[in-house]
């Protein structure tokens, strides 16, 4: 299992986002991080895929465990990871969002604007 952590590389940036910086106990090896990057070249979306995988593993492994005074709840951890993954996806989606502005500079443009507005309301 290979592990490299260099924040100058895309692999290192994904590791930084998902907090996988411990070489003694890595969550993913280099090949797995590279696989996430091959699925989507955007670092944030690759990290979102990794977080989704981590969330699934938390639910499957931990579930809800009570031992003496210690309680672990895999579902809550999984929800937090999924929310973080959703936030990353939303950041990417909002980055590429755009609005359309119409310029009205004469009487013809005013009539055309209201005609288009009426057509938008119908559809």
N, C-alpha and C. Protein backbone atom coordinates (compact mmCIF):
# COMPACT_ATOMS: atom_id res chain seq x y z
N UNK A 1 0.85 -1.17 0.00
CA UNK A 1 0.00 0.00 0.00
C UNK A 1 0.90 1.24 0.00
N UNK A 2 0.86 1.99 -1.08
CA UNK A 2 1.71 3.18 -1.17
C UNK A 2 0.96 4.41 -0.66
N UNK A 3 1.70 5.28 -0.03
CA UNK A 3 1.12 6.51 0.52
C UNK A 3 2.11 7.65 0.29
N UNK A 4 1.65 8.67 -0.42
CA UNK A 4 2.43 9.89 -0.56
C UNK A 4 1.53 11.06 -0.24
N UNK A 5 2.11 12.05 0.39
CA UNK A 5 1.35 13.25 0.76
C UNK A 5 2.17 14.47 0.40
N UNK A 6 1.83 15.07 -0.71
CA UNK A 6 2.50 16.28 -1.18
C UNK A 6 1.39 17.22 -1.68
N UNK A 7 1.18 18.31 -0.98
CA UNK A 7 0.06 19.21 -1.31
C UNK A 7 0.26 19.95 -2.63
N UNK A 8 1.39 19.76 -3.27
CA UNK A 8 1.60 20.38 -4.59
C UNK A 8 0.96 19.53 -5.70
N UNK A 9 0.63 18.29 -5.38
CA UNK A 9 0.01 17.39 -6.37
C UNK A 9 -1.49 17.32 -6.12
N UNK A 10 -2.23 16.90 -7.14
CA UNK A 10 -3.68 16.73 -6.98
C UNK A 10 -3.99 15.66 -5.94
N UNK A 11 -3.20 14.60 -5.93
CA UNK A 11 -3.40 13.53 -4.95
C UNK A 11 -3.27 14.09 -3.53
N UNK A 12 -2.25 14.90 -3.31
CA UNK A 12 -2.05 15.49 -1.99
C UNK A 12 -3.16 16.45 -1.61
N UNK A 13 -3.68 17.18 -2.59
CA UNK A 13 -4.78 18.12 -2.31
C UNK A 13 -6.04 17.37 -1.92
N UNK A 14 -6.30 16.24 -2.60
CA UNK A 14 -7.46 15.42 -2.21
C UNK A 14 -7.26 14.90 -0.80
N UNK A 15 -6.06 14.42 -0.49
CA UNK A 15 -5.78 13.93 0.87
C UNK A 15 -5.97 15.04 1.91
N UNK A 16 -5.58 16.26 1.56
CA UNK A 16 -5.75 17.39 2.47
C UNK A 16 -7.23 17.65 2.75
N UNK A 17 -8.05 17.64 1.72
CA UNK A 17 -9.48 17.92 1.88
C UNK A 17 -10.17 16.85 2.72
N UNK A 18 -9.80 15.59 2.52
CA UNK A 18 -10.48 14.51 3.24
C UNK A 18 -9.79 14.15 4.55
N UNK A 19 -8.75 14.89 4.91
CA UNK A 19 -8.00 14.69 6.17
C UNK A 19 -7.39 13.29 6.24
N UNK A 20 -6.76 12.89 5.16
CA UNK A 20 -6.07 11.59 5.10
C UNK A 20 -4.57 11.87 5.02
N UNK A 21 -3.99 12.33 6.14
CA UNK A 21 -2.59 12.74 6.14
C UNK A 21 -1.69 11.85 6.98
N UNK A 22 -2.25 10.85 7.64
CA UNK A 22 -1.47 9.99 8.52
C UNK A 22 -0.91 8.81 7.73
N UNK A 23 0.39 8.82 7.50
CA UNK A 23 1.04 7.76 6.71
C UNK A 23 1.02 6.42 7.42
N UNK A 24 0.92 6.42 8.75
CA UNK A 24 0.91 5.15 9.48
C UNK A 24 -0.44 4.45 9.40
N UNK A 25 -1.51 5.20 9.18
CA UNK A 25 -2.85 4.62 9.10
C UNK A 25 -3.66 5.34 8.02
N UNK A 26 -3.30 5.18 6.75
CA UNK A 26 -4.02 5.90 5.69
C UNK A 26 -5.40 5.30 5.42
N UNK A 27 -6.33 6.15 5.04
CA UNK A 27 -7.66 5.67 4.67
C UNK A 27 -7.65 5.11 3.25
N UNK A 28 -6.88 5.75 2.38
CA UNK A 28 -6.80 5.34 0.98
C UNK A 28 -5.33 5.28 0.56
N UNK A 29 -5.01 4.33 -0.31
CA UNK A 29 -3.65 4.33 -0.86
C UNK A 29 -3.62 5.21 -2.11
N UNK A 30 -2.45 5.41 -2.65
CA UNK A 30 -2.27 6.31 -3.79
C UNK A 30 -3.12 5.90 -4.99
N UNK A 31 -3.19 4.60 -5.25
CA UNK A 31 -3.97 4.12 -6.40
C UNK A 31 -5.45 4.45 -6.25
N UNK A 32 -5.96 4.36 -5.03
CA UNK A 32 -7.37 4.68 -4.81
C UNK A 32 -7.63 6.17 -5.00
N UNK A 33 -6.75 7.02 -4.49
CA UNK A 33 -6.89 8.47 -4.70
C UNK A 33 -6.82 8.78 -6.19
N UNK A 34 -5.88 8.13 -6.89
CA UNK A 34 -5.77 8.33 -8.34
C UNK A 34 -7.04 7.89 -9.06
N UNK A 35 -7.67 6.83 -8.56
CA UNK A 35 -8.93 6.37 -9.15
C UNK A 35 -10.02 7.42 -8.98
N UNK A 36 -10.10 8.03 -7.80
CA UNK A 36 -11.07 9.11 -7.58
C UNK A 36 -10.80 10.27 -8.54
N UNK A 37 -9.53 10.58 -8.74
CA UNK A 37 -9.16 11.67 -9.65
C UNK A 37 -9.45 11.30 -11.10
N UNK A 38 -9.37 10.02 -11.45
CA UNK A 38 -9.69 9.63 -12.82
C UNK A 38 -11.20 9.65 -13.06
N UNK A 39 -11.99 9.44 -12.02
CA UNK A 39 -13.44 9.54 -12.15
C UNK A 39 -13.83 10.98 -12.44
N UNK A 40 -13.19 11.90 -11.72
CA UNK A 40 -13.45 13.32 -11.95
C UNK A 40 -12.17 14.11 -11.69
N UNK A 41 -11.75 14.87 -12.66
CA UNK A 41 -10.48 15.58 -12.54
C UNK A 41 -10.54 16.78 -11.59
N UNK A 42 -11.74 17.27 -11.27
CA UNK A 42 -11.86 18.37 -10.31
C UNK A 42 -11.52 17.81 -8.92
N UNK A 43 -10.59 18.44 -8.25
CA UNK A 43 -10.09 17.94 -6.97
C UNK A 43 -11.22 17.85 -5.94
N UNK A 44 -12.10 18.84 -5.92
CA UNK A 44 -13.18 18.83 -4.94
C UNK A 44 -14.16 17.70 -5.19
N UNK A 45 -14.44 17.41 -6.46
CA UNK A 45 -15.35 16.30 -6.75
C UNK A 45 -14.70 14.95 -6.46
N UNK A 46 -13.40 14.84 -6.73
CA UNK A 46 -12.69 13.61 -6.38
C UNK A 46 -12.72 13.41 -4.86
N UNK A 47 -12.54 14.49 -4.11
CA UNK A 47 -12.62 14.41 -2.65
C UNK A 47 -14.02 14.04 -2.20
N UNK A 48 -15.04 14.55 -2.90
CA UNK A 48 -16.42 14.21 -2.57
C UNK A 48 -16.66 12.71 -2.77
N UNK A 49 -16.11 12.14 -3.84
CA UNK A 49 -16.22 10.69 -4.05
C UNK A 49 -15.54 9.93 -2.91
N UNK A 50 -14.37 10.40 -2.51
CA UNK A 50 -13.64 9.74 -1.42
C UNK A 50 -14.44 9.83 -0.12
N UNK A 51 -15.01 10.99 0.17
CA UNK A 51 -15.82 11.16 1.38
C UNK A 51 -17.05 10.26 1.35
N UNK A 52 -17.65 10.12 0.17
CA UNK A 52 -18.80 9.22 0.04
C UNK A 52 -18.42 7.78 0.33
N UNK A 53 -17.24 7.38 -0.13
CA UNK A 53 -16.75 6.03 0.15
C UNK A 53 -16.49 5.86 1.64
N UNK A 54 -15.90 6.88 2.26
CA UNK A 54 -15.66 6.82 3.70
C UNK A 54 -16.97 6.73 4.47
N UNK A 55 -17.98 7.48 4.03
CA UNK A 55 -19.29 7.46 4.70
C UNK A 55 -19.91 6.07 4.64
N UNK A 56 -19.81 5.44 3.48
CA UNK A 56 -20.35 4.08 3.34
C UNK A 56 -19.62 3.12 4.25
N UNK A 57 -18.30 3.24 4.34
CA UNK A 57 -17.52 2.36 5.21
C UNK A 57 -17.88 2.57 6.68
N UNK A 58 -18.13 3.81 7.08
CA UNK A 58 -18.48 4.10 8.47
C UNK A 58 -19.78 3.40 8.85
N UNK A 59 -20.76 3.43 7.97
CA UNK A 59 -22.05 2.80 8.26
C UNK A 59 -21.88 1.29 8.33
N UNK A 60 -21.12 0.73 7.39
CA UNK A 60 -20.97 -0.72 7.33
C UNK A 60 -20.17 -1.25 8.51
N UNK A 61 -19.16 -0.53 8.95
CA UNK A 61 -18.26 -1.04 9.99
C UNK A 61 -18.75 -0.69 11.39
N UNK A 62 -19.08 0.57 11.62
CA UNK A 62 -19.36 1.00 12.99
C UNK A 62 -20.79 0.76 13.45
N UNK A 63 -21.77 1.09 12.60
CA UNK A 63 -23.16 1.06 13.00
C UNK A 63 -23.29 1.83 14.32
N UNK A 64 -24.00 1.28 15.30
CA UNK A 64 -24.06 1.90 16.63
C UNK A 64 -23.50 0.90 17.62
N UNK A 65 -22.43 1.28 18.29
CA UNK A 65 -21.76 0.38 19.23
C UNK A 65 -21.69 1.07 20.59
N UNK A 66 -22.13 0.35 21.62
CA UNK A 66 -22.01 0.85 22.99
C UNK A 66 -21.15 -0.12 23.77
N UNK A 67 -20.13 0.43 24.40
CA UNK A 67 -19.24 -0.39 25.22
C UNK A 67 -18.85 0.44 26.44
N UNK A 68 -19.31 0.01 27.60
CA UNK A 68 -19.12 0.76 28.84
C UNK A 68 -19.64 2.19 28.65
N UNK A 69 -18.79 3.18 28.79
CA UNK A 69 -19.22 4.57 28.62
C UNK A 69 -18.94 5.11 27.23
N UNK A 70 -18.43 4.26 26.34
CA UNK A 70 -18.06 4.69 25.00
C UNK A 70 -19.17 4.31 24.01
N UNK A 71 -19.58 5.29 23.23
CA UNK A 71 -20.58 5.04 22.20
C UNK A 71 -20.07 5.57 20.88
N UNK A 72 -20.19 4.75 19.83
CA UNK A 72 -19.87 5.22 18.48
C UNK A 72 -21.12 5.09 17.64
N UNK A 73 -21.34 6.03 16.79
CA UNK A 73 -22.52 6.03 15.93
C UNK A 73 -22.07 6.25 14.49
N UNK A 74 -21.92 5.17 13.76
CA UNK A 74 -21.45 5.24 12.38
C UNK A 74 -22.37 6.03 11.49
N UNK A 75 -23.68 5.99 11.76
CA UNK A 75 -24.64 6.72 10.93
C UNK A 75 -24.43 8.23 11.04
N UNK A 76 -24.15 8.72 12.24
CA UNK A 76 -23.92 10.16 12.42
C UNK A 76 -22.62 10.60 11.74
N UNK A 77 -21.59 9.78 11.89
CA UNK A 77 -20.33 10.08 11.22
C UNK A 77 -20.54 10.08 9.71
N UNK A 78 -21.28 9.09 9.24
CA UNK A 78 -21.56 8.98 7.81
C UNK A 78 -22.33 10.20 7.31
N UNK A 79 -23.32 10.65 8.07
CA UNK A 79 -24.09 11.84 7.68
C UNK A 79 -23.20 13.07 7.58
N UNK A 80 -22.29 13.21 8.53
CA UNK A 80 -21.38 14.37 8.50
C UNK A 80 -20.49 14.31 7.27
N UNK A 81 -19.98 13.13 6.94
CA UNK A 81 -19.13 12.98 5.76
C UNK A 81 -19.92 13.27 4.48
N UNK A 82 -21.16 12.80 4.44
CA UNK A 82 -22.01 13.05 3.25
C UNK A 82 -22.32 14.54 3.10
N UNK A 83 -22.54 15.23 4.23
CA UNK A 83 -22.79 16.67 4.15
C UNK A 83 -21.58 17.41 3.61
N UNK A 84 -20.39 17.00 4.06
CA UNK A 84 -19.16 17.61 3.56
C UNK A 84 -19.01 17.34 2.06
N UNK A 85 -19.30 16.12 1.64
CA UNK A 85 -19.23 15.79 0.21
C UNK A 85 -20.22 16.63 -0.59
N UNK A 86 -21.43 16.81 -0.04
CA UNK A 86 -22.44 17.64 -0.72
C UNK A 86 -21.98 19.09 -0.82
N UNK A 87 -21.36 19.60 0.25
CA UNK A 87 -20.84 20.96 0.22
C UNK A 87 -19.79 21.13 -0.88
N UNK A 88 -18.93 20.14 -1.03
CA UNK A 88 -17.92 20.20 -2.09
C UNK A 88 -18.57 20.20 -3.47
N UNK A 89 -19.57 19.34 -3.65
CA UNK A 89 -20.27 19.30 -4.94
C UNK A 89 -20.98 20.61 -5.22
N UNK A 90 -21.61 21.19 -4.18
CA UNK A 90 -22.30 22.47 -4.35
C UNK A 90 -21.33 23.59 -4.71
N UNK A 91 -20.14 23.57 -4.12
CA UNK A 91 -19.13 24.59 -4.45
C UNK A 91 -18.79 24.54 -5.94
N UNK A 92 -18.61 23.33 -6.44
CA UNK A 92 -18.27 23.18 -7.85
C UNK A 92 -19.44 23.60 -8.73
N UNK A 93 -20.65 23.19 -8.35
CA UNK A 93 -21.83 23.53 -9.15
C UNK A 93 -22.06 25.04 -9.19
N UNK A 94 -21.88 25.71 -8.05
CA UNK A 94 -22.10 27.16 -7.99
C UNK A 94 -21.02 27.94 -8.70
N UNK A 95 -19.85 27.35 -8.81
CA UNK A 95 -18.75 28.03 -9.48
C UNK A 95 -19.04 28.24 -10.96
N UNK A 96 -19.76 27.30 -11.55
CA UNK A 96 -20.02 27.36 -12.98
C UNK A 96 -21.42 27.90 -13.30
N UNK A 97 -22.15 28.37 -12.29
CA UNK A 97 -23.48 28.93 -12.51
C UNK A 97 -23.36 30.32 -13.14
N UNK A 98 -24.36 30.68 -13.92
CA UNK A 98 -24.35 32.01 -14.53
C UNK A 98 -25.78 32.52 -14.64
N UNK A 99 -25.93 33.80 -14.79
CA UNK A 99 -27.22 34.43 -14.97
C UNK A 99 -27.25 35.10 -16.33
N UNK A 100 -28.46 35.35 -16.78
CA UNK A 100 -28.63 36.03 -18.06
C UNK A 100 -29.22 37.41 -17.78
N UNK A 101 -28.65 38.42 -18.38
CA UNK A 101 -29.16 39.78 -18.24
C UNK A 101 -29.63 40.26 -19.61
N UNK A 102 -30.78 40.89 -19.61
CA UNK A 102 -31.29 41.45 -20.86
C UNK A 102 -31.10 42.96 -20.82
N UNK A 103 -30.67 43.49 -21.92
CA UNK A 103 -30.43 44.91 -22.01
C UNK A 103 -31.61 45.56 -22.75
N UNK A 104 -32.21 46.56 -22.12
CA UNK A 104 -33.33 47.27 -22.73
C UNK A 104 -32.87 48.70 -22.95
N UNK A 105 -32.71 49.06 -24.23
CA UNK A 105 -32.20 50.40 -24.50
C UNK A 105 -33.06 51.19 -25.48
N UNK A 106 -34.18 50.61 -25.95
CA UNK A 106 -35.09 51.36 -26.81
C UNK A 106 -36.50 50.78 -26.69
N UNK A 107 -37.46 51.41 -27.36
CA UNK A 107 -38.85 51.00 -27.26
C UNK A 107 -39.07 49.57 -27.79
N UNK A 108 -38.36 49.22 -28.84
CA UNK A 108 -38.48 47.87 -29.39
C UNK A 108 -38.02 46.83 -28.37
N UNK A 109 -36.93 47.10 -27.66
CA UNK A 109 -36.43 46.18 -26.64
C UNK A 109 -37.43 46.00 -25.50
N UNK A 110 -38.15 47.08 -25.15
CA UNK A 110 -39.14 46.99 -24.09
C UNK A 110 -40.26 46.05 -24.51
N UNK A 111 -40.77 46.21 -25.74
CA UNK A 111 -41.84 45.32 -26.24
C UNK A 111 -41.35 43.87 -26.31
N UNK A 112 -40.12 43.68 -26.79
CA UNK A 112 -39.57 42.33 -26.90
C UNK A 112 -39.40 41.70 -25.51
N UNK A 113 -38.97 42.50 -24.53
CA UNK A 113 -38.82 41.99 -23.17
C UNK A 113 -40.15 41.49 -22.62
N UNK A 114 -41.21 42.29 -22.77
CA UNK A 114 -42.51 41.90 -22.22
C UNK A 114 -43.10 40.70 -22.97
N UNK A 115 -42.84 40.60 -24.25
CA UNK A 115 -43.29 39.43 -25.01
C UNK A 115 -42.58 38.16 -24.49
N UNK A 116 -41.28 38.24 -24.32
CA UNK A 116 -40.52 37.10 -23.81
C UNK A 116 -40.95 36.74 -22.39
N UNK A 117 -41.22 37.77 -21.59
CA UNK A 117 -41.66 37.52 -20.21
C UNK A 117 -42.99 36.79 -20.21
N UNK A 118 -43.90 37.17 -21.09
CA UNK A 118 -45.19 36.48 -21.19
C UNK A 118 -45.00 35.04 -21.65
N UNK A 119 -44.09 34.81 -22.58
CA UNK A 119 -43.82 33.45 -23.06
C UNK A 119 -43.19 32.60 -21.95
N UNK A 120 -42.37 33.20 -21.11
CA UNK A 120 -41.76 32.46 -20.01
C UNK A 120 -42.81 32.03 -18.99
N UNK A 121 -43.79 32.90 -18.76
CA UNK A 121 -44.85 32.58 -17.79
C UNK A 121 -45.73 31.44 -18.28
N UNK A 122 -45.91 31.33 -19.60
CA UNK A 122 -46.74 30.27 -20.16
C UNK A 122 -46.04 28.92 -20.04
N UNK A 123 -44.75 28.89 -20.27
CA UNK A 123 -43.99 27.63 -20.29
C UNK A 123 -43.73 27.07 -18.95
